[in-house]
C-alpha cells in the first residue's frame, strides 16, 4: 500500500536536523532522486603503547599495535592486531612503524596484508637506515571474513625494538559508497 503525506510545512520539534528515511533509502524530491548519505563506519586508530616490541632478524613479525584508542564498531582486535570488518565495503588503511635505534635496520620490509602473506596490499623496503620509520597504505575491498594487519621483516642485524606512544600506529575506515 502506498501512502501520501500532504502538508504545507515541516518544522523540527527539537535538535538541529530533520531526518527523512534511513541510511540506504532513495528519496525523490521534486523529480530529482537523492540517495541518503552513507556512513564511514567502522573505523579505528591503534598504536603501540608501553614498552617497545622486539623484532627478531630473519623473521616476519606482526606489528603489535596493542592499544586501540578509537575502535568504532569494535573491529580492531588488540590481541591479534588485526582489523576484521563487520560491514563489507571499500576501506582505507594506513600503518606506520618507527624505531629509535643506532642499530642498522638492514634490508627491512614493512607490509600491509589482507588475510595472509600472499595478499600484499602495500610494502615499503629500506636498507641501512637508523632512527627512522616506514609507512604503508592501501584502499581495498573487504568482506566480513577478511582481515588486515601489518608486518615487518628485517633480514639481518639481530633484534630491534619498534617504538611506541604514537610513533607507530595503524588506522583505517570504511569509505562512503
N, C-alpha and C. Protein backbone atom coordinates (compact mmCIF):
# COMPACT_ATOMS: atom_id res chain seq x y z
N UNK A 1 0.84 -1.17 0.00
CA UNK A 1 0.00 0.00 0.00
C UNK A 1 0.89 1.24 0.00
N UNK A 2 0.61 2.18 -0.86
CA UNK A 2 1.36 3.43 -0.95
C UNK A 2 0.62 4.50 -0.16
N UNK A 3 1.39 5.27 0.62
CA UNK A 3 0.79 6.33 1.42
C UNK A 3 1.31 7.67 0.95
N UNK A 4 0.52 8.70 1.13
CA UNK A 4 0.93 10.06 0.81
C UNK A 4 0.74 10.92 2.04
N UNK A 5 1.65 11.85 2.20
CA UNK A 5 1.57 12.81 3.28
C UNK A 5 1.57 14.19 2.64
N UNK A 6 0.50 14.92 2.80
CA UNK A 6 0.39 16.24 2.19
C UNK A 6 0.34 17.28 3.30
N UNK A 7 1.39 18.12 3.31
CA UNK A 7 1.49 19.17 4.32
C UNK A 7 2.02 20.44 3.66
N UNK A 8 1.83 21.56 4.31
CA UNK A 8 2.36 22.82 3.80
C UNK A 8 3.71 23.16 4.40
N UNK A 9 4.01 22.60 5.56
CA UNK A 9 5.24 22.97 6.23
C UNK A 9 5.68 21.85 7.17
N UNK A 10 7.00 21.57 7.20
CA UNK A 10 7.57 20.63 8.16
C UNK A 10 8.52 21.42 9.04
N UNK A 11 8.31 21.37 10.35
CA UNK A 11 9.13 22.11 11.30
C UNK A 11 9.70 21.10 12.29
N UNK A 12 10.98 21.22 12.58
CA UNK A 12 11.60 20.29 13.52
C UNK A 12 11.05 20.53 14.93
N UNK A 13 10.91 19.44 15.66
CA UNK A 13 10.40 19.53 17.02
C UNK A 13 11.52 19.91 17.98
N UNK A 14 12.69 19.31 17.81
CA UNK A 14 13.85 19.63 18.65
C UNK A 14 15.10 19.26 17.87
N UNK A 15 16.26 19.63 18.40
CA UNK A 15 17.51 19.32 17.73
C UNK A 15 17.79 20.28 16.59
N UNK A 16 18.70 19.88 15.70
CA UNK A 16 19.10 20.78 14.63
C UNK A 16 18.90 20.20 13.24
N UNK A 17 18.25 19.04 13.14
CA UNK A 17 18.06 18.45 11.82
C UNK A 17 16.75 17.68 11.75
N UNK A 18 16.31 17.44 10.53
CA UNK A 18 15.12 16.62 10.26
C UNK A 18 15.59 15.41 9.46
N UNK A 19 15.22 14.24 9.88
CA UNK A 19 15.61 13.01 9.21
C UNK A 19 14.45 12.51 8.36
N UNK A 20 14.75 12.23 7.10
CA UNK A 20 13.76 11.64 6.19
C UNK A 20 14.36 10.33 5.70
N UNK A 21 13.71 9.24 5.99
CA UNK A 21 14.21 7.94 5.57
C UNK A 21 15.32 7.43 6.46
N UNK A 22 15.95 6.31 6.01
CA UNK A 22 17.03 5.67 6.73
C UNK A 22 18.22 5.52 5.79
N UNK A 23 19.37 5.21 6.34
CA UNK A 23 20.56 5.01 5.52
C UNK A 23 20.28 3.98 4.43
N UNK A 24 20.61 4.32 3.19
CA UNK A 24 20.38 3.43 2.06
C UNK A 24 19.09 3.69 1.32
N UNK A 25 18.15 4.45 1.91
CA UNK A 25 16.89 4.78 1.23
C UNK A 25 17.15 5.75 0.08
N UNK A 26 16.34 5.67 -0.95
CA UNK A 26 16.37 6.64 -2.03
C UNK A 26 15.15 7.53 -1.88
N UNK A 27 15.37 8.82 -1.98
CA UNK A 27 14.29 9.79 -1.76
C UNK A 27 14.12 10.63 -3.02
N UNK A 28 12.90 10.78 -3.48
CA UNK A 28 12.61 11.56 -4.67
C UNK A 28 12.06 12.92 -4.22
N UNK A 29 12.80 13.99 -4.51
CA UNK A 29 12.40 15.34 -4.15
C UNK A 29 12.14 16.13 -5.43
N UNK A 30 10.90 16.45 -5.71
CA UNK A 30 10.51 17.27 -6.86
C UNK A 30 11.11 16.74 -8.16
N UNK A 31 11.07 15.44 -8.34
CA UNK A 31 11.53 14.85 -9.59
C UNK A 31 13.01 14.48 -9.59
N UNK A 32 13.79 15.00 -8.69
CA UNK A 32 15.21 14.65 -8.61
C UNK A 32 15.37 13.56 -7.55
N UNK A 33 16.25 12.59 -7.82
CA UNK A 33 16.45 11.49 -6.89
C UNK A 33 17.75 11.70 -6.12
N UNK A 34 17.69 11.55 -4.80
CA UNK A 34 18.85 11.68 -3.93
C UNK A 34 18.97 10.42 -3.10
N UNK A 35 20.19 9.91 -2.97
CA UNK A 35 20.42 8.77 -2.10
C UNK A 35 20.83 9.29 -0.72
N UNK A 36 20.26 8.70 0.31
CA UNK A 36 20.63 9.11 1.67
C UNK A 36 22.11 8.83 1.89
N UNK A 37 22.78 9.72 2.58
CA UNK A 37 24.23 9.59 2.79
C UNK A 37 24.55 8.35 3.61
N UNK A 38 25.63 7.68 3.23
CA UNK A 38 26.11 6.53 3.98
C UNK A 38 27.00 7.01 5.13
N UNK A 39 27.52 6.09 5.84
CA UNK A 39 28.42 6.42 6.94
C UNK A 39 29.74 5.69 6.74
N UNK A 40 30.81 6.27 7.23
CA UNK A 40 32.11 5.63 7.07
C UNK A 40 32.52 4.88 8.34
N UNK A 41 31.65 4.03 8.81
CA UNK A 41 31.95 3.16 9.95
C UNK A 41 31.94 1.72 9.44
N UNK A 42 32.74 0.88 10.01
CA UNK A 42 33.57 1.08 11.19
C UNK A 42 34.88 1.80 10.86
N UNK A 43 35.53 2.31 11.94
CA UNK A 43 36.84 2.94 11.82
C UNK A 43 37.60 2.72 13.12
N UNK A 44 38.93 2.87 13.04
CA UNK A 44 39.75 2.63 14.23
C UNK A 44 41.08 3.38 14.14
N UNK A 45 41.71 3.57 15.28
CA UNK A 45 43.07 4.07 15.38
C UNK A 45 43.73 3.30 16.50
N UNK A 46 44.78 2.55 16.17
CA UNK A 46 45.51 1.77 17.17
C UNK A 46 46.98 2.20 17.13
N UNK A 47 47.63 2.11 18.29
CA UNK A 47 49.03 2.49 18.36
C UNK A 47 49.78 1.53 19.28
N UNK A 48 51.08 1.60 19.19
CA UNK A 48 51.94 0.83 20.08
C UNK A 48 52.14 1.65 21.35
N UNK A 49 51.75 1.09 22.50
CA UNK A 49 51.94 1.78 23.78
C UNK A 49 52.73 0.88 24.71
N UNK A 50 53.24 1.48 25.78
CA UNK A 50 54.03 0.71 26.73
C UNK A 50 55.43 0.49 26.21
N UNK A 51 56.01 -0.66 26.51
CA UNK A 51 57.37 -0.95 26.08
C UNK A 51 57.42 -1.26 24.60
N UNK A 52 58.60 -1.14 24.01
CA UNK A 52 58.76 -1.44 22.60
C UNK A 52 58.57 -2.91 22.30
N UNK A 53 58.21 -3.22 21.08
CA UNK A 53 58.05 -4.60 20.64
C UNK A 53 59.36 -5.08 20.04
N UNK A 54 59.83 -6.24 20.45
CA UNK A 54 61.06 -6.81 19.92
C UNK A 54 60.79 -7.47 18.57
N UNK A 55 61.62 -7.14 17.60
CA UNK A 55 61.53 -7.72 16.26
C UNK A 55 62.83 -8.47 15.99
N UNK A 56 62.73 -9.76 15.76
CA UNK A 56 63.92 -10.58 15.51
C UNK A 56 64.29 -10.56 14.04
N UNK A 57 65.58 -10.69 13.77
CA UNK A 57 66.07 -10.73 12.40
C UNK A 57 65.62 -12.01 11.71
N UNK A 58 65.46 -11.94 10.41
CA UNK A 58 65.08 -13.04 9.51
C UNK A 58 63.75 -13.69 9.87
N UNK A 59 62.86 -12.92 10.48
CA UNK A 59 61.54 -13.42 10.84
C UNK A 59 60.49 -12.37 10.47
N UNK A 60 59.41 -12.80 9.84
CA UNK A 60 58.30 -11.89 9.57
C UNK A 60 57.49 -11.78 10.86
N UNK A 61 57.31 -10.56 11.34
CA UNK A 61 56.67 -10.32 12.63
C UNK A 61 55.45 -9.43 12.44
N UNK A 62 54.30 -9.83 12.99
CA UNK A 62 53.12 -8.97 13.00
C UNK A 62 53.39 -7.82 13.95
N UNK A 63 53.17 -6.60 13.48
CA UNK A 63 53.41 -5.44 14.33
C UNK A 63 52.26 -5.34 15.34
N UNK A 64 52.61 -5.22 16.60
CA UNK A 64 51.64 -5.26 17.68
C UNK A 64 51.19 -3.85 18.08
N UNK A 65 50.21 -3.35 17.36
CA UNK A 65 49.57 -2.09 17.76
C UNK A 65 48.60 -2.47 18.87
N UNK A 66 49.03 -2.36 20.11
CA UNK A 66 48.34 -3.01 21.22
C UNK A 66 47.26 -2.19 21.91
N UNK A 67 47.05 -0.93 21.49
CA UNK A 67 46.02 -0.12 22.12
C UNK A 67 45.19 0.58 21.05
N UNK A 68 43.92 0.21 20.96
CA UNK A 68 43.00 0.91 20.04
C UNK A 68 42.38 2.06 20.81
N UNK A 69 42.85 3.27 20.55
CA UNK A 69 42.31 4.44 21.24
C UNK A 69 40.96 4.85 20.66
N UNK A 70 40.71 4.48 19.41
CA UNK A 70 39.41 4.66 18.76
C UNK A 70 39.08 3.32 18.11
N UNK A 71 37.87 2.80 18.32
CA UNK A 71 37.51 1.50 17.76
C UNK A 71 36.00 1.44 17.52
N UNK A 72 35.50 2.32 16.67
CA UNK A 72 34.06 2.37 16.35
C UNK A 72 33.67 1.12 15.58
N UNK A 73 32.80 0.33 16.16
CA UNK A 73 32.38 -0.94 15.56
C UNK A 73 33.11 -2.14 16.13
N UNK A 74 34.08 -1.90 17.02
CA UNK A 74 34.85 -2.97 17.68
C UNK A 74 35.43 -3.97 16.70
N UNK A 75 35.98 -3.50 15.60
CA UNK A 75 36.52 -4.38 14.57
C UNK A 75 38.02 -4.61 14.69
N UNK A 76 38.70 -3.76 15.47
CA UNK A 76 40.14 -3.96 15.66
C UNK A 76 40.35 -4.80 16.92
N UNK A 77 41.14 -5.86 16.79
CA UNK A 77 41.40 -6.78 17.90
C UNK A 77 42.79 -6.48 18.49
N UNK A 78 42.83 -6.01 19.75
CA UNK A 78 44.08 -5.68 20.42
C UNK A 78 44.97 -6.89 20.72
N UNK A 79 44.44 -8.10 20.58
CA UNK A 79 45.25 -9.28 20.87
C UNK A 79 45.80 -9.94 19.61
N UNK A 80 45.11 -9.83 18.48
CA UNK A 80 45.63 -10.40 17.22
C UNK A 80 46.23 -9.32 16.34
N UNK A 81 45.95 -8.03 16.67
CA UNK A 81 46.47 -6.86 15.95
C UNK A 81 45.94 -6.79 14.52
N UNK A 82 44.70 -7.28 14.34
CA UNK A 82 44.07 -7.32 13.03
C UNK A 82 42.74 -6.57 13.05
N UNK A 83 42.39 -6.01 11.89
CA UNK A 83 41.09 -5.37 11.68
C UNK A 83 40.25 -6.33 10.85
N UNK A 84 39.08 -6.70 11.35
CA UNK A 84 38.14 -7.56 10.63
C UNK A 84 36.80 -6.83 10.62
N UNK A 85 36.33 -6.39 9.44
CA UNK A 85 35.13 -5.55 9.39
C UNK A 85 33.85 -6.33 9.69
N UNK A 86 32.89 -5.64 10.27
CA UNK A 86 31.56 -6.21 10.45
C UNK A 86 30.65 -5.80 9.28
N UNK A 87 31.14 -4.90 8.44
CA UNK A 87 30.40 -4.43 7.26
C UNK A 87 31.30 -4.55 6.04
N UNK A 88 30.84 -5.25 5.01
CA UNK A 88 31.60 -5.35 3.77
C UNK A 88 31.64 -3.99 3.10
N UNK A 89 32.72 -3.72 2.38
CA UNK A 89 32.83 -2.45 1.67
C UNK A 89 34.26 -2.16 1.27
N UNK A 90 34.50 -0.93 0.85
CA UNK A 90 35.83 -0.48 0.46
C UNK A 90 36.40 0.33 1.63
N UNK A 91 37.64 0.02 2.00
CA UNK A 91 38.28 0.60 3.17
C UNK A 91 39.62 1.24 2.81
N UNK A 92 40.01 2.25 3.60
CA UNK A 92 41.33 2.85 3.52
C UNK A 92 42.10 2.48 4.78
N UNK A 93 43.38 2.10 4.62
CA UNK A 93 44.24 1.76 5.75
C UNK A 93 45.58 2.47 5.62
N UNK A 94 46.16 2.79 6.77
CA UNK A 94 47.50 3.37 6.83
C UNK A 94 48.18 2.84 8.08
N UNK A 95 49.42 2.39 7.94
CA UNK A 95 50.18 1.88 9.08
C UNK A 95 51.58 2.47 9.06
N UNK A 96 52.07 2.82 10.25
CA UNK A 96 53.42 3.36 10.39
C UNK A 96 54.14 2.60 11.49
N UNK A 97 55.39 2.31 11.25
CA UNK A 97 56.24 1.65 12.23
C UNK A 97 57.49 2.49 12.37
N UNK A 98 57.85 2.85 13.59
CA UNK A 98 59.03 3.70 13.82
C UNK A 98 59.97 3.03 14.81
N UNK A 99 61.25 3.35 14.68
CA UNK A 99 62.22 2.87 15.64
C UNK A 99 63.21 3.97 15.96
N UNK A 100 63.76 3.88 17.13
CA UNK A 100 64.70 4.89 17.60
C UNK A 100 65.95 4.14 18.04
N UNK A 101 66.78 3.80 17.05
CA UNK A 101 67.90 2.92 17.35
C UNK A 101 69.11 3.29 16.52
N UNK A 102 70.27 3.20 17.15
CA UNK A 102 71.52 3.40 16.43
C UNK A 102 71.89 2.12 15.67
N UNK A 103 71.11 1.06 15.90
CA UNK A 103 71.33 -0.19 15.16
C UNK A 103 70.80 -0.03 13.73
N UNK A 104 71.48 -0.63 12.81
CA UNK A 104 71.13 -0.58 11.40
C UNK A 104 69.97 -1.55 11.10
N UNK A 105 68.86 -1.01 10.61
CA UNK A 105 67.76 -1.86 10.14
C UNK A 105 68.07 -2.18 8.69
N UNK A 106 68.85 -3.22 8.47
CA UNK A 106 69.31 -3.55 7.12
C UNK A 106 68.28 -4.39 6.39
N UNK A 107 67.99 -3.99 5.16
CA UNK A 107 67.06 -4.72 4.28
C UNK A 107 65.74 -5.06 4.99
N UNK A 108 65.06 -4.05 5.46
CA UNK A 108 63.79 -4.22 6.17
C UNK A 108 62.63 -4.01 5.21
N UNK A 109 61.55 -4.73 5.46
CA UNK A 109 60.36 -4.63 4.61
C UNK A 109 59.11 -4.61 5.49
N UNK A 110 58.32 -3.55 5.36
CA UNK A 110 57.04 -3.45 6.06
C UNK A 110 55.94 -3.76 5.06
N UNK A 111 54.97 -4.58 5.48
CA UNK A 111 53.87 -4.97 4.60
C UNK A 111 52.52 -4.70 5.25
N UNK A 112 51.55 -4.32 4.44
CA UNK A 112 50.15 -4.25 4.84
C UNK A 112 49.49 -5.43 4.13
N UNK A 113 48.91 -6.34 4.90
CA UNK A 113 48.42 -7.60 4.35
C UNK A 113 46.93 -7.78 4.52
N UNK A 114 46.34 -8.46 3.56
CA UNK A 114 44.94 -8.87 3.62
C UNK A 114 44.93 -10.39 3.76
N UNK A 115 44.46 -10.87 4.88
CA UNK A 115 44.26 -12.30 5.17
C UNK A 115 45.53 -13.11 5.35
N UNK A 116 46.54 -12.92 4.54
CA UNK A 116 47.74 -13.74 4.66
C UNK A 116 48.89 -13.04 3.94
N UNK A 117 50.07 -13.62 4.06
CA UNK A 117 51.23 -13.03 3.40
C UNK A 117 51.14 -13.11 1.88
N UNK A 118 50.22 -13.89 1.35
CA UNK A 118 50.11 -14.00 -0.10
C UNK A 118 49.34 -12.82 -0.72
N UNK A 119 48.69 -12.00 0.08
CA UNK A 119 47.93 -10.86 -0.43
C UNK A 119 48.50 -9.57 0.14
N UNK A 120 49.57 -9.09 -0.47
CA UNK A 120 50.21 -7.85 -0.02
C UNK A 120 49.46 -6.67 -0.63
N UNK A 121 48.99 -5.78 0.23
CA UNK A 121 48.30 -4.58 -0.23
C UNK A 121 49.29 -3.47 -0.55
N UNK A 122 50.33 -3.37 0.25
CA UNK A 122 51.38 -2.37 0.04
C UNK A 122 52.61 -2.83 0.79
N UNK A 123 53.79 -2.42 0.31
CA UNK A 123 55.02 -2.75 1.01
C UNK A 123 56.01 -1.61 0.81
N UNK A 124 56.90 -1.48 1.78
CA UNK A 124 57.93 -0.46 1.72
C UNK A 124 59.22 -1.07 2.23
N UNK A 125 60.29 -0.93 1.47
CA UNK A 125 61.56 -1.52 1.87
C UNK A 125 62.63 -0.45 2.04
N UNK A 126 63.55 -0.70 2.96
CA UNK A 126 64.67 0.20 3.20
C UNK A 126 65.92 -0.63 3.46
N UNK A 127 67.07 -0.01 3.27
CA UNK A 127 68.35 -0.65 3.60
C UNK A 127 69.23 0.35 4.33
N UNK A 128 69.96 -0.15 5.32
CA UNK A 128 70.96 0.63 6.04
C UNK A 128 70.42 1.94 6.59
N UNK A 129 69.38 1.87 7.40
CA UNK A 129 68.80 3.08 7.98
C UNK A 129 68.80 3.01 9.50
N UNK A 130 68.87 4.18 10.12
CA UNK A 130 68.89 4.32 11.57
C UNK A 130 67.83 5.35 11.95
N UNK A 131 67.28 5.27 13.14
CA UNK A 131 66.34 6.29 13.65
C UNK A 131 65.34 6.70 12.56
N UNK A 132 64.48 5.82 12.17
CA UNK A 132 63.63 6.08 11.01
C UNK A 132 62.24 5.49 11.21
N UNK A 133 61.44 5.56 10.15
CA UNK A 133 60.12 4.95 10.17
C UNK A 133 59.76 4.48 8.78
N UNK A 134 58.81 3.57 8.73
CA UNK A 134 58.26 3.07 7.47
C UNK A 134 56.76 3.27 7.52
N UNK A 135 56.15 3.53 6.36
CA UNK A 135 54.70 3.73 6.32
C UNK A 135 54.13 3.06 5.07
N UNK A 136 52.99 2.41 5.23
CA UNK A 136 52.29 1.78 4.11
C UNK A 136 50.82 2.18 4.16
N UNK A 137 50.15 2.17 3.01
CA UNK A 137 48.72 2.49 2.96
C UNK A 137 48.10 1.77 1.77
N UNK A 138 46.77 1.61 1.83
CA UNK A 138 46.07 0.94 0.74
C UNK A 138 44.57 1.21 0.83
N UNK A 139 43.92 1.11 -0.32
CA UNK A 139 42.46 1.09 -0.42
C UNK A 139 42.11 -0.30 -0.91
N UNK A 140 41.21 -0.99 -0.19
CA UNK A 140 40.94 -2.38 -0.50
C UNK A 140 39.47 -2.71 -0.24
N UNK A 141 38.92 -3.60 -1.04
CA UNK A 141 37.56 -4.10 -0.84
C UNK A 141 37.62 -5.30 0.11
N UNK A 142 36.77 -5.26 1.14
CA UNK A 142 36.76 -6.32 2.15
C UNK A 142 35.38 -6.91 2.34
N UNK A 143 35.34 -8.19 2.66
CA UNK A 143 34.12 -8.84 3.13
C UNK A 143 34.25 -8.98 4.65
N UNK A 144 33.22 -9.48 5.28
CA UNK A 144 33.26 -9.62 6.74
C UNK A 144 34.15 -10.78 7.19
N UNK A 145 34.65 -11.59 6.26
CA UNK A 145 35.56 -12.68 6.63
C UNK A 145 37.02 -12.31 6.36
N UNK A 146 37.29 -11.11 5.85
CA UNK A 146 38.65 -10.65 5.60
C UNK A 146 39.23 -9.98 6.83
N UNK A 147 40.55 -9.90 6.89
CA UNK A 147 41.21 -9.11 7.93
C UNK A 147 42.47 -8.48 7.35
N UNK A 148 42.87 -7.34 7.96
CA UNK A 148 44.02 -6.58 7.50
C UNK A 148 44.94 -6.35 8.70
N UNK A 149 46.25 -6.48 8.46
CA UNK A 149 47.24 -6.26 9.52
C UNK A 149 48.57 -5.88 8.89
N UNK A 150 49.52 -5.46 9.72
CA UNK A 150 50.83 -5.02 9.24
C UNK A 150 51.93 -5.92 9.79
N UNK A 151 52.97 -6.15 8.97
CA UNK A 151 54.11 -6.94 9.39
C UNK A 151 55.41 -6.20 9.08
N UNK A 152 56.48 -6.65 9.74
CA UNK A 152 57.82 -6.14 9.46
C UNK A 152 58.74 -7.35 9.31
N UNK A 153 59.64 -7.28 8.33
CA UNK A 153 60.68 -8.29 8.15
C UNK A 153 62.01 -7.55 8.12
N UNK A 154 62.95 -8.03 8.91
CA UNK A 154 64.27 -7.40 9.00
C UNK A 154 65.29 -8.50 8.76
N UNK A 155 66.08 -8.39 7.69
CA UNK A 155 66.89 -9.53 7.24
C UNK A 155 68.16 -9.79 8.05
N UNK A 156 68.68 -8.79 8.75
CA UNK A 156 69.92 -9.04 9.48
C UNK A 156 70.09 -8.03 10.61
N UNK A 157 71.09 -8.26 11.45
CA UNK A 157 71.44 -7.28 12.46
C UNK A 157 70.88 -7.53 13.84
N UNK A 158 70.37 -8.71 14.12
CA UNK A 158 69.88 -9.00 15.47
C UNK A 158 68.49 -8.45 15.72
N UNK A 159 68.14 -8.32 17.00
CA UNK A 159 66.80 -7.87 17.36
C UNK A 159 66.74 -6.35 17.43
N UNK A 160 65.55 -5.82 17.16
CA UNK A 160 65.29 -4.38 17.20
C UNK A 160 64.01 -4.15 17.98
N UNK A 161 63.77 -2.91 18.38
CA UNK A 161 62.53 -2.54 19.06
C UNK A 161 61.73 -1.57 18.21
N UNK A 162 60.44 -1.85 18.06
CA UNK A 162 59.51 -0.94 17.41
C UNK A 162 59.10 0.10 18.46
N UNK A 163 59.10 1.34 18.10
CA UNK A 163 58.73 2.40 19.05
C UNK A 163 57.26 2.35 19.41
N UNK A 164 56.91 3.09 20.42
CA UNK A 164 55.55 3.12 20.93
C UNK A 164 55.13 4.56 21.15
N UNK A 165 53.95 4.75 21.69
CA UNK A 165 53.48 6.07 22.09
C UNK A 165 53.20 7.04 20.96
N UNK A 166 52.50 6.59 19.94
CA UNK A 166 52.08 7.47 18.86
C UNK A 166 53.01 7.48 17.66
N UNK A 167 54.22 6.98 17.82
CA UNK A 167 55.14 6.93 16.69
C UNK A 167 54.81 5.78 15.76
N UNK A 168 54.27 4.71 16.30
CA UNK A 168 53.86 3.56 15.49
C UNK A 168 52.36 3.40 15.62
N UNK A 169 51.65 3.48 14.48
CA UNK A 169 50.19 3.41 14.53
C UNK A 169 49.63 2.68 13.32
N UNK A 170 48.35 2.28 13.46
CA UNK A 170 47.60 1.60 12.41
C UNK A 170 46.19 2.17 12.46
N UNK A 171 45.70 2.62 11.33
CA UNK A 171 44.37 3.23 11.29
C UNK A 171 43.63 2.81 10.01
N UNK A 172 42.32 2.87 10.05
CA UNK A 172 41.54 2.55 8.86
C UNK A 172 40.08 2.89 9.05
N UNK A 173 39.37 3.03 7.92
CA UNK A 173 37.94 3.34 7.98
C UNK A 173 37.29 2.93 6.65
N UNK A 174 35.99 2.70 6.74
CA UNK A 174 35.18 2.37 5.57
C UNK A 174 34.93 3.65 4.79
N UNK A 175 35.12 3.57 3.49
CA UNK A 175 34.84 4.71 2.62
C UNK A 175 33.35 4.75 2.33
N UNK A 176 32.78 5.94 2.24
CA UNK A 176 31.36 6.08 1.95
C UNK A 176 31.13 5.75 0.49
N UNK A 177 30.20 4.84 0.24
CA UNK A 177 29.93 4.41 -1.15
C UNK A 177 28.96 5.35 -1.82
